[in-house]
Amino acid sequence: MQLRDAGEEDLPGILDIYNEVIANSTAIYAEEPVSLEDRLAWFRARRAQNYPVLVASDASAADLKFLHHPRQAHLGTSNRKAALEPYAC
């Protein structure tokens, strides 16, 4: 498994995972799917604030994504969210 900084080219996969989590869990406080434009703005805002957005992938399995997006209220703490593509494990 390789952990690396996410790039804009990773956003379609991150979007798929994020919307799947919205649809099938209570881990994210959202009820409606978001758009690629929303994730692009989110990604660029995180980068502008020097927050990491990471992806992990394994060439021998489905692509796995790891998202890290702290919020202002959590500065100075460790706040990580991980989401995997369904059935990737």
PDB file of N, CA and C in Angstrom:
ATOM      1  N   MET A   1       0.844  -1.165   0.000  1.00  0.00           N
ATOM      2  CA  MET A   1       0.000   0.000   0.000  1.00  0.00           C
ATOM      3  C   MET A   1       0.893   1.233   0.000  1.00  0.00           C
ATOM      4  N   GLN A   2       0.529   2.191  -0.805  1.00  0.00           N
ATOM      5  CA  GLN A   2       1.278   3.431  -0.918  1.00  0.00           C
ATOM      6  C   GLN A   2       0.427   4.588  -0.417  1.00  0.00           C
ATOM      7  N   LEU A   3       0.976   5.361   0.496  1.00  0.00           N
ATOM      8  CA  LEU A   3       0.312   6.556   1.014  1.00  0.00           C
ATOM      9  C   LEU A   3       0.982   7.757   0.373  1.00  0.00           C
ATOM     10  N   ARG A   4       0.159   8.656  -0.187  1.00  0.00           N
ATOM     11  CA  ARG A   4       0.717   9.821  -0.869  1.00  0.00           C
ATOM     12  C   ARG A   4      -0.252  10.992  -0.770  1.00  0.00           C
ATOM     13  N   ASP A   5       0.267  12.174  -1.075  1.00  0.00           N
ATOM     14  CA  ASP A   5      -0.588  13.348  -1.147  1.00  0.00           C
ATOM     15  C   ASP A   5      -1.571  13.177  -2.292  1.00  0.00           C
ATOM     16  N   ALA A   6      -2.800  13.545  -2.051  1.00  0.00           N
ATOM     17  CA  ALA A   6      -3.813  13.488  -3.095  1.00  0.00           C
ATOM     18  C   ALA A   6      -3.576  14.613  -4.095  1.00  0.00           C
ATOM     19  N   GLY A   7      -3.977  14.366  -5.317  1.00  0.00           N
ATOM     20  CA  GLY A   7      -3.967  15.382  -6.354  1.00  0.00           C
ATOM     21  C   GLY A   7      -5.379  15.568  -6.878  1.00  0.00           C
ATOM     22  N   GLU A   8      -5.570  16.592  -7.655  1.00  0.00           N
ATOM     23  CA  GLU A   8      -6.909  16.830  -8.205  1.00  0.00           C
ATOM     24  C   GLU A   8      -7.392  15.644  -9.025  1.00  0.00           C
ATOM     25  N   GLU A   9      -6.473  14.865  -9.594  1.00  0.00           N
ATOM     26  CA  GLU A   9      -6.858  13.685 -10.370  1.00  0.00           C
ATOM     27  C   GLU A   9      -7.493  12.601  -9.499  1.00  0.00           C
ATOM     28  N   ASP A  10      -7.311  12.675  -8.180  1.00  0.00           N
ATOM     29  CA  ASP A  10      -7.900  11.703  -7.253  1.00  0.00           C
ATOM     30  C   ASP A  10      -9.320  12.077  -6.833  1.00  0.00           C
ATOM     31  N   LEU A  11      -9.748  13.276  -7.157  1.00  0.00           N
ATOM     32  CA  LEU A  11     -11.037  13.744  -6.650  1.00  0.00           C
ATOM     33  C   LEU A  11     -12.241  12.924  -7.110  1.00  0.00           C
ATOM     34  N   PRO A  12     -12.299  12.409  -8.342  1.00  0.00           N
ATOM     35  CA  PRO A  12     -13.455  11.556  -8.679  1.00  0.00           C
ATOM     36  C   PRO A  12     -13.583  10.344  -7.758  1.00  0.00           C
ATOM     37  N   GLY A  13     -12.477   9.698  -7.415  1.00  0.00           N
ATOM     38  CA  GLY A  13     -12.526   8.559  -6.487  1.00  0.00           C
ATOM     39  C   GLY A  13     -12.893   8.982  -5.087  1.00  0.00           C
ATOM     40  N   ILE A  14     -12.343  10.102  -4.638  1.00  0.00           N
ATOM     41  CA  ILE A  14     -12.688  10.625  -3.308  1.00  0.00           C
ATOM     42  C   ILE A  14     -14.167  10.983  -3.267  1.00  0.00           C
ATOM     43  N   LEU A  15     -14.667  11.578  -4.337  1.00  0.00           N
ATOM     44  CA  LEU A  15     -16.087  11.937  -4.416  1.00  0.00           C
ATOM     45  C   LEU A  15     -16.970  10.698  -4.320  1.00  0.00           C
ATOM     46  N   ASP A  16     -16.621   9.646  -5.051  1.00  0.00           N
ATOM     47  CA  ASP A  16     -17.413   8.407  -5.001  1.00  0.00           C
ATOM     48  C   ASP A  16     -17.485   7.862  -3.580  1.00  0.00           C
ATOM     49  N   ILE A  17     -16.345   7.828  -2.909  1.00  0.00           N
ATOM     50  CA  ILE A  17     -16.306   7.307  -1.542  1.00  0.00           C
ATOM     51  C   ILE A  17     -17.086   8.217  -0.605  1.00  0.00           C
ATOM     52  N   TYR A  18     -16.891   9.519  -0.713  1.00  0.00           N
ATOM     53  CA  TYR A  18     -17.571  10.475   0.166  1.00  0.00           C
ATOM     54  C   TYR A  18     -19.090  10.341   0.022  1.00  0.00           C
ATOM     55  N   ASN A  19     -19.573  10.286  -1.213  1.00  0.00           N
ATOM     56  CA  ASN A  19     -21.014  10.169  -1.421  1.00  0.00           C
ATOM     57  C   ASN A  19     -21.554   8.817  -0.963  1.00  0.00           C
ATOM     58  N   GLU A  20     -20.755   7.764  -1.066  1.00  0.00           N
ATOM     59  CA  GLU A  20     -21.186   6.461  -0.558  1.00  0.00           C
ATOM     60  C   GLU A  20     -21.326   6.508   0.958  1.00  0.00           C
ATOM     61  N   VAL A  21     -20.415   7.180   1.626  1.00  0.00           N
ATOM     62  CA  VAL A  21     -20.488   7.317   3.082  1.00  0.00           C
ATOM     63  C   VAL A  21     -21.718   8.134   3.465  1.00  0.00           C
ATOM     64  N   ILE A  22     -22.006   9.201   2.739  1.00  0.00           N
ATOM     65  CA  ILE A  22     -23.210   9.992   3.009  1.00  0.00           C
ATOM     66  C   ILE A  22     -24.450   9.117   2.876  1.00  0.00           C
ATOM     67  N   ALA A  23     -24.505   8.314   1.831  1.00  0.00           N
ATOM     68  CA  ALA A  23     -25.688   7.495   1.553  1.00  0.00           C
ATOM     69  C   ALA A  23     -25.876   6.343   2.527  1.00  0.00           C
ATOM     70  N   ASN A  24     -24.781   5.812   3.079  1.00  0.00           N
ATOM     71  CA  ASN A  24     -24.881   4.551   3.814  1.00  0.00           C
ATOM     72  C   ASN A  24     -24.351   4.562   5.236  1.00  0.00           C
ATOM     73  N   SER A  25     -24.087   5.743   5.792  1.00  0.00           N
ATOM     74  CA  SER A  25     -23.609   5.783   7.163  1.00  0.00           C
ATOM     75  C   SER A  25     -23.997   7.102   7.816  1.00  0.00           C
ATOM     76  N   THR A  26     -23.647   7.224   9.064  1.00  0.00           N
ATOM     77  CA  THR A  26     -23.857   8.481   9.785  1.00  0.00           C
ATOM     78  C   THR A  26     -22.522   9.126  10.145  1.00  0.00           C
ATOM     79  N   ALA A  27     -21.457   8.725   9.467  1.00  0.00           N
ATOM     80  CA  ALA A  27     -20.120   9.228   9.786  1.00  0.00           C
ATOM     81  C   ALA A  27     -19.903  10.673   9.355  1.00  0.00           C
ATOM     82  N   ILE A  28     -20.675  11.129   8.391  1.00  0.00           N
ATOM     83  CA  ILE A  28     -20.568  12.498   7.888  1.00  0.00           C
ATOM     84  C   ILE A  28     -21.908  13.176   8.121  1.00  0.00           C
ATOM     85  N   TYR A  29     -21.856  14.382   8.630  1.00  0.00           N
ATOM     86  CA  TYR A  29     -23.090  15.112   8.919  1.00  0.00           C
ATOM     87  C   TYR A  29     -23.616  15.795   7.669  1.00  0.00           C
ATOM     88  N   ALA A  30     -24.006  15.003   6.714  1.00  0.00           N
ATOM     89  CA  ALA A  30     -24.590  15.481   5.468  1.00  0.00           C
ATOM     90  C   ALA A  30     -25.635  14.461   5.041  1.00  0.00           C
ATOM     91  N   GLU A  31     -26.632  14.926   4.334  1.00  0.00           N
ATOM     92  CA  GLU A  31     -27.691  14.033   3.885  1.00  0.00           C
ATOM     93  C   GLU A  31     -27.795  13.931   2.373  1.00  0.00           C
ATOM     94  N   GLU A  32     -27.219  14.886   1.667  1.00  0.00           N
ATOM     95  CA  GLU A  32     -27.315  14.915   0.213  1.00  0.00           C
ATOM     96  C   GLU A  32     -25.934  14.710  -0.398  1.00  0.00           C
ATOM     97  N   PRO A  33     -25.866  14.000  -1.515  1.00  0.00           N
ATOM     98  CA  PRO A  33     -24.584  13.836  -2.200  1.00  0.00           C
ATOM     99  C   PRO A  33     -24.011  15.194  -2.606  1.00  0.00           C
ATOM    100  N   VAL A  34     -22.701  15.237  -2.720  1.00  0.00           N
ATOM    101  CA  VAL A  34     -22.041  16.473  -3.141  1.00  0.00           C
ATOM    102  C   VAL A  34     -21.511  16.294  -4.562  1.00  0.00           C
ATOM    103  N   SER A  35     -21.185  17.403  -5.200  1.00  0.00           N
ATOM    104  CA  SER A  35     -20.724  17.393  -6.578  1.00  0.00           C
ATOM    105  C   SER A  35     -19.199  17.397  -6.650  1.00  0.00           C
ATOM    106  N   LEU A  36     -18.692  17.126  -7.823  1.00  0.00           N
ATOM    107  CA  LEU A  36     -17.253  17.205  -8.038  1.00  0.00           C
ATOM    108  C   LEU A  36     -16.756  18.629  -7.803  1.00  0.00           C
ATOM    109  N   GLU A  37     -17.547  19.607  -8.182  1.00  0.00           N
ATOM    110  CA  GLU A  37     -17.176  21.004  -7.950  1.00  0.00           C
ATOM    111  C   GLU A  37     -17.047  21.291  -6.455  1.00  0.00           C
ATOM    112  N   ASP A  38     -17.929  20.709  -5.649  1.00  0.00           N
ATOM    113  CA  ASP A  38     -17.855  20.853  -4.194  1.00  0.00           C
ATOM    114  C   ASP A  38     -16.558  20.258  -3.664  1.00  0.00           C
ATOM    115  N   ARG A  39     -16.206  19.057  -4.106  1.00  0.00           N
ATOM    116  CA  ARG A  39     -14.980  18.419  -3.635  1.00  0.00           C
ATOM    117  C   ARG A  39     -13.738  19.171  -4.115  1.00  0.00           C
ATOM    118  N   LEU A  40     -13.804  19.751  -5.304  1.00  0.00           N
ATOM    119  CA  LEU A  40     -12.672  20.542  -5.797  1.00  0.00           C
ATOM    120  C   LEU A  40     -12.467  21.769  -4.920  1.00  0.00           C
ATOM    121  N   ALA A  41     -13.547  22.448  -4.568  1.00  0.00           N
ATOM    122  CA  ALA A  41     -13.437  23.613  -3.673  1.00  0.00           C
ATOM    123  C   ALA A  41     -12.924  23.181  -2.309  1.00  0.00           C
ATOM    124  N   TRP A  42     -13.427  22.066  -1.788  1.00  0.00           N
ATOM    125  CA  TRP A  42     -12.968  21.518  -0.507  1.00  0.00           C
ATOM    126  C   TRP A  42     -11.476  21.221  -0.561  1.00  0.00           C
ATOM    127  N   PHE A  43     -11.036  20.566  -1.628  1.00  0.00           N
ATOM    128  CA  PHE A  43      -9.637  20.188  -1.782  1.00  0.00           C
ATOM    129  C   PHE A  43      -8.740  21.427  -1.842  1.00  0.00           C
ATOM    130  N   ARG A  44      -9.127  22.378  -2.641  1.00  0.00           N
ATOM    131  CA  ARG A  44      -8.311  23.584  -2.778  1.00  0.00           C
ATOM    132  C   ARG A  44      -8.270  24.387  -1.481  1.00  0.00           C
ATOM    133  N   ALA A  45      -9.360  24.413  -0.734  1.00  0.00           N
ATOM    134  CA  ALA A  45      -9.381  25.112   0.560  1.00  0.00           C
ATOM    135  C   ALA A  45      -8.453  24.428   1.551  1.00  0.00           C
ATOM    136  N   ARG A  46      -8.449  23.092   1.566  1.00  0.00           N
ATOM    137  CA  ARG A  46      -7.557  22.362   2.473  1.00  0.00           C
ATOM    138  C   ARG A  46      -6.099  22.648   2.127  1.00  0.00           C
ATOM    139  N   ARG A  47      -5.789  22.612   0.852  1.00  0.00           N
ATOM    140  CA  ARG A  47      -4.420  22.887   0.408  1.00  0.00           C
ATOM    141  C   ARG A  47      -4.006  24.321   0.749  1.00  0.00           C
ATOM    142  N   ALA A  48      -4.912  25.279   0.573  1.00  0.00           N
ATOM    143  CA  ALA A  48      -4.600  26.676   0.873  1.00  0.00           C
ATOM    144  C   ALA A  48      -4.285  26.875   2.349  1.00  0.00           C
ATOM    145  N   GLN A  49      -4.862  26.026   3.212  1.00  0.00           N
ATOM    146  CA  GLN A  49      -4.630  26.107   4.655  1.00  0.00           C
ATOM    147  C   GLN A  49      -3.516  25.161   5.102  1.00  0.00           C
ATOM    148  N   ASN A  50      -2.826  24.563   4.148  1.00  0.00           N
ATOM    149  CA  ASN A  50      -1.732  23.627   4.411  1.00  0.00           C
ATOM    150  C   ASN A  50      -2.170  22.373   5.171  1.00  0.00           C
ATOM    151  N   TYR A  51      -3.430  21.968   5.011  1.00  0.00           N
ATOM    152  CA  TYR A  51      -3.900  20.715   5.581  1.00  0.00           C
ATOM    153  C   TYR A  51      -3.656  19.602   4.570  1.00  0.00           C
ATOM    154  N   PRO A  52      -3.232  18.441   5.027  1.00  0.00           N
ATOM    155  CA  PRO A  52      -3.009  17.349   4.076  1.00  0.00           C
ATOM    156  C   PRO A  52      -4.312  16.679   3.667  1.00  0.00           C
ATOM    157  N   VAL A  53      -4.343  16.227   2.446  1.00  0.00           N
ATOM    158  CA  VAL A  53      -5.369  15.309   1.957  1.00  0.00           C
ATOM    159  C   VAL A  53      -4.565  14.152   1.376  1.00  0.00           C
ATOM    160  N   LEU A  54      -4.744  12.987   1.936  1.00  0.00           N
ATOM    161  CA  LEU A  54      -3.936  11.831   1.574  1.00  0.00           C
ATOM    162  C   LEU A  54      -4.777  10.748   0.925  1.00  0.00           C
ATOM    163  N   VAL A  55      -4.162  10.005   0.040  1.00  0.00           N
ATOM    164  CA  VAL A  55      -4.786   8.806  -0.509  1.00  0.00           C
ATOM    165  C   VAL A  55      -3.839   7.641  -0.309  1.00  0.00           C
ATOM    166  N   ALA A  56      -4.410   6.490  -0.116  1.00  0.00           N
ATOM    167  CA  ALA A  56      -3.639   5.257  -0.041  1.00  0.00           C
ATOM    168  C   ALA A  56      -4.170   4.337  -1.121  1.00  0.00           C
ATOM    169  N   SER A  57      -3.274   3.732  -1.856  1.00  0.00           N
ATOM    170  CA  SER A  57      -3.722   2.820  -2.900  1.00  0.00           C
ATOM    171  C   SER A  57      -2.862   1.585  -2.896  1.00  0.00           C
ATOM    172  N   ASP A  58      -3.453   0.525  -3.352  1.00  0.00           N
ATOM    173  CA  ASP A  58      -2.779  -0.755  -3.460  1.00  0.00           C
ATOM    174  C   ASP A  58      -3.023  -1.252  -4.878  1.00  0.00           C
ATOM    175  N   ALA A  59      -1.987  -1.367  -5.647  1.00  0.00           N
ATOM    176  CA  ALA A  59      -2.127  -1.741  -7.056  1.00  0.00           C
ATOM    177  C   ALA A  59      -2.755  -3.117  -7.235  1.00  0.00           C
ATOM    178  N   SER A  60      -2.659  -3.977  -6.217  1.00  0.00           N
ATOM    179  CA  SER A  60      -3.193  -5.328  -6.363  1.00  0.00           C
ATOM    180  C   SER A  60      -4.660  -5.438  -5.934  1.00  0.00           C
ATOM    181  N   ALA A  61      -5.221  -4.370  -5.419  1.00  0.00           N
ATOM    182  CA  ALA A  61      -6.616  -4.389  -4.968  1.00  0.00           C
ATOM    183  C   ALA A  61      -7.309  -3.131  -5.467  1.00  0.00           C
ATOM    184  N   ALA A  62      -8.555  -2.995  -5.119  1.00  0.00           N
ATOM    185  CA  ALA A  62      -9.285  -1.783  -5.477  1.00  0.00           C
ATOM    186  C   ALA A  62      -8.584  -0.583  -4.857  1.00  0.00           C
ATOM    187  N   ASP A  63      -8.683   0.538  -5.502  1.00  0.00           N
ATOM    188  CA  ASP A  63      -8.058   1.751  -4.988  1.00  0.00           C
ATOM    189  C   ASP A  63      -8.692   2.125  -3.661  1.00  0.00           C
ATOM    190  N   LEU A  64      -7.877   2.371  -2.656  1.00  0.00           N
ATOM    191  CA  LEU A  64      -8.353   2.777  -1.349  1.00  0.00           C
ATOM    192  C   LEU A  64      -8.011   4.243  -1.156  1.00  0.00           C
ATOM    193  N   LYS A  65      -8.897   4.981  -0.562  1.00  0.00           N
ATOM    194  CA  LYS A  65      -8.633   6.390  -0.319  1.00  0.00           C
ATOM    195  C   LYS A  65      -8.659   6.658   1.173  1.00  0.00           C
ATOM    196  N   PHE A  66      -7.747   7.456   1.623  1.00  0.00           N
ATOM    197  CA  PHE A  66      -7.719   7.909   3.010  1.00  0.00           C
ATOM    198  C   PHE A  66      -7.815   9.425   2.993  1.00  0.00           C
ATOM    199  N   LEU A  67      -8.771   9.938   3.702  1.00  0.00           N
ATOM    200  CA  LEU A  67      -9.002  11.376   3.698  1.00  0.00           C
ATOM    201  C   LEU A  67      -8.628  11.953   5.041  1.00  0.00           C
ATOM    202  N   HIS A  68      -7.963  13.048   5.031  1.00  0.00           N
ATOM    203  CA  HIS A  68      -7.610  13.734   6.271  1.00  0.00           C
ATOM    204  C   HIS A  68      -7.984  15.188   6.094  1.00  0.00           C
ATOM    205  N   HIS A  69      -8.968  15.624   6.841  1.00  0.00           N
ATOM    206  CA  HIS A  69      -9.379  17.018   6.695  1.00  0.00           C
ATOM    207  C   HIS A  69      -9.783  17.603   8.029  1.00  0.00           C
ATOM    208  N   PRO A  70      -8.801  18.156   8.758  1.00  0.00           N
ATOM    209  CA  PRO A  70      -9.109  18.782  10.041  1.00  0.00           C
ATOM    210  C   PRO A  70     -10.010  19.998   9.865  1.00  0.00           C
ATOM    211  N   ARG A  71     -10.685  20.305  10.896  1.00  0.00           N
ATOM    212  CA  ARG A  71     -11.525  21.504  10.927  1.00  0.00           C
ATOM    213  C   ARG A  71     -10.921  22.500  11.905  1.00  0.00           C
ATOM    214  N   GLN A  72     -11.274  23.737  11.747  1.00  0.00           N
ATOM    215  CA  GLN A  72     -10.709  24.799  12.570  1.00  0.00           C
ATOM    216  C   GLN A  72     -10.855  24.486  14.059  1.00  0.00           C
ATOM    217  N   ALA A  73     -11.961  23.912  14.463  1.00  0.00           N
ATOM    218  CA  ALA A  73     -12.205  23.619  15.874  1.00  0.00           C
ATOM    219  C   ALA A  73     -11.262  22.554  16.417  1.00  0.00           C
ATOM    220  N   HIS A  74     -10.634  21.803  15.534  1.00  0.00           N
ATOM    221  CA  HIS A  74      -9.770  20.712  15.961  1.00  0.00           C
ATOM    222  C   HIS A  74      -8.291  21.015  15.810  1.00  0.00           C
ATOM    223  N   LEU A  75      -7.926  22.253  15.515  1.00  0.00           N
ATOM    224  CA  LEU A  75      -6.503  22.575  15.393  1.00  0.00           C
ATOM    225  C   LEU A  75      -5.804  22.237  16.699  1.00  0.00           C
ATOM    226  N   GLY A  76      -4.653  21.640  16.595  1.00  0.00           N
ATOM    227  CA  GLY A  76      -3.912  21.225  17.785  1.00  0.00           C
ATOM    228  C   GLY A  76      -4.291  19.839  18.252  1.00  0.00           C
ATOM    229  N   THR A  77      -5.236  19.201  17.569  1.00  0.00           N
ATOM    230  CA  THR A  77      -5.614  17.830  17.901  1.00  0.00           C
ATOM    231  C   THR A  77      -5.415  16.972  16.662  1.00  0.00           C
ATOM    232  N   SER A  78      -5.601  15.700  16.816  1.00  0.00           N
ATOM    233  CA  SER A  78      -5.502  14.795  15.684  1.00  0.00           C
ATOM    234  C   SER A  78      -6.905  14.366  15.295  1.00  0.00           C
ATOM    235  N   ASN A  79      -7.335  14.738  14.105  1.00  0.00           N
ATOM    236  CA  ASN A  79      -8.666  14.397  13.612  1.00  0.00           C
ATOM    237  C   ASN A  79      -8.502  13.765  12.246  1.00  0.00           C
ATOM    238  N   ARG A  80      -8.675  12.469  12.157  1.00  0.00           N
ATOM    239  CA  ARG A  80      -8.522  11.787  10.880  1.00  0.00           C
ATOM    240  C   ARG A  80      -9.798  11.037  10.558  1.00  0.00           C
ATOM    241  N   LYS A  81     -10.150  11.079   9.298  1.00  0.00           N
ATOM    242  CA  LYS A  81     -11.277  10.300   8.817  1.00  0.00           C
ATOM    243  C   LYS A  81     -10.759   9.388   7.729  1.00  0.00           C
ATOM    244  N   ALA A  82     -11.168   8.171   7.788  1.00  0.00           N
ATOM    245  CA  ALA A  82     -10.766   7.217   6.757  1.00  0.00           C
ATOM    246  C   ALA A  82     -12.013   6.634   6.141  1.00  0.00           C
ATOM    247  N   ALA A  83     -12.011   6.538   4.846  1.00  0.00           N
ATOM    248  CA  ALA A  83     -13.123   5.907   4.137  1.00  0.00           C
ATOM    249  C   ALA A  83     -12.537   5.038   3.053  1.00  0.00           C
ATOM    250  N   LEU A  84     -13.050   3.835   2.929  1.00  0.00           N
ATOM    251  CA  LEU A  84     -12.583   2.902   1.918  1.00  0.00           C
ATOM    252  C   LEU A  84     -13.701   2.680   0.922  1.00  0.00           C
ATOM    253  N   GLU A  85     -13.307   2.354  -0.296  1.00  0.00           N
ATOM    254  CA  GLU A  85     -14.320   1.985  -1.276  1.00  0.00           C
ATOM    255  C   GLU A  85     -15.027   0.748  -0.761  1.00  0.00           C
ATOM    256  N   PRO A  86     -16.329   0.654  -1.004  1.00  0.00           N
ATOM    257  CA  PRO A  86     -17.059  -0.533  -0.532  1.00  0.00           C
ATOM    258  C   PRO A  86     -16.452  -1.818  -1.080  1.00  0.00           C
ATOM    259  N   TYR A  87     -16.360  -2.788  -0.238  1.00  0.00           N
ATOM    260  CA  TYR A  87     -15.880  -4.122  -0.577  1.00  0.00           C
ATOM    261  C   TYR A  87     -14.410  -4.160  -0.977  1.00  0.00           C
ATOM    262  N   ALA A  88     -13.667  -3.118  -0.644  1.00  0.00           N
ATOM    263  CA  ALA A  88     -12.247  -3.087  -1.001  1.00  0.00           C
ATOM    264  C   ALA A  88     -11.406  -3.972  -0.102  1.00  0.00           C
ATOM    265  N   CYS A  89     -11.902  -4.286   1.078  1.00  0.00           N
ATOM    266  CA  CYS A  89     -11.106  -5.057   2.039  1.00  0.00           C
ATOM    267  C   CYS A  89     -11.279  -6.533   1.857  1.00  0.00           C
TER     268      CYS A  89
END
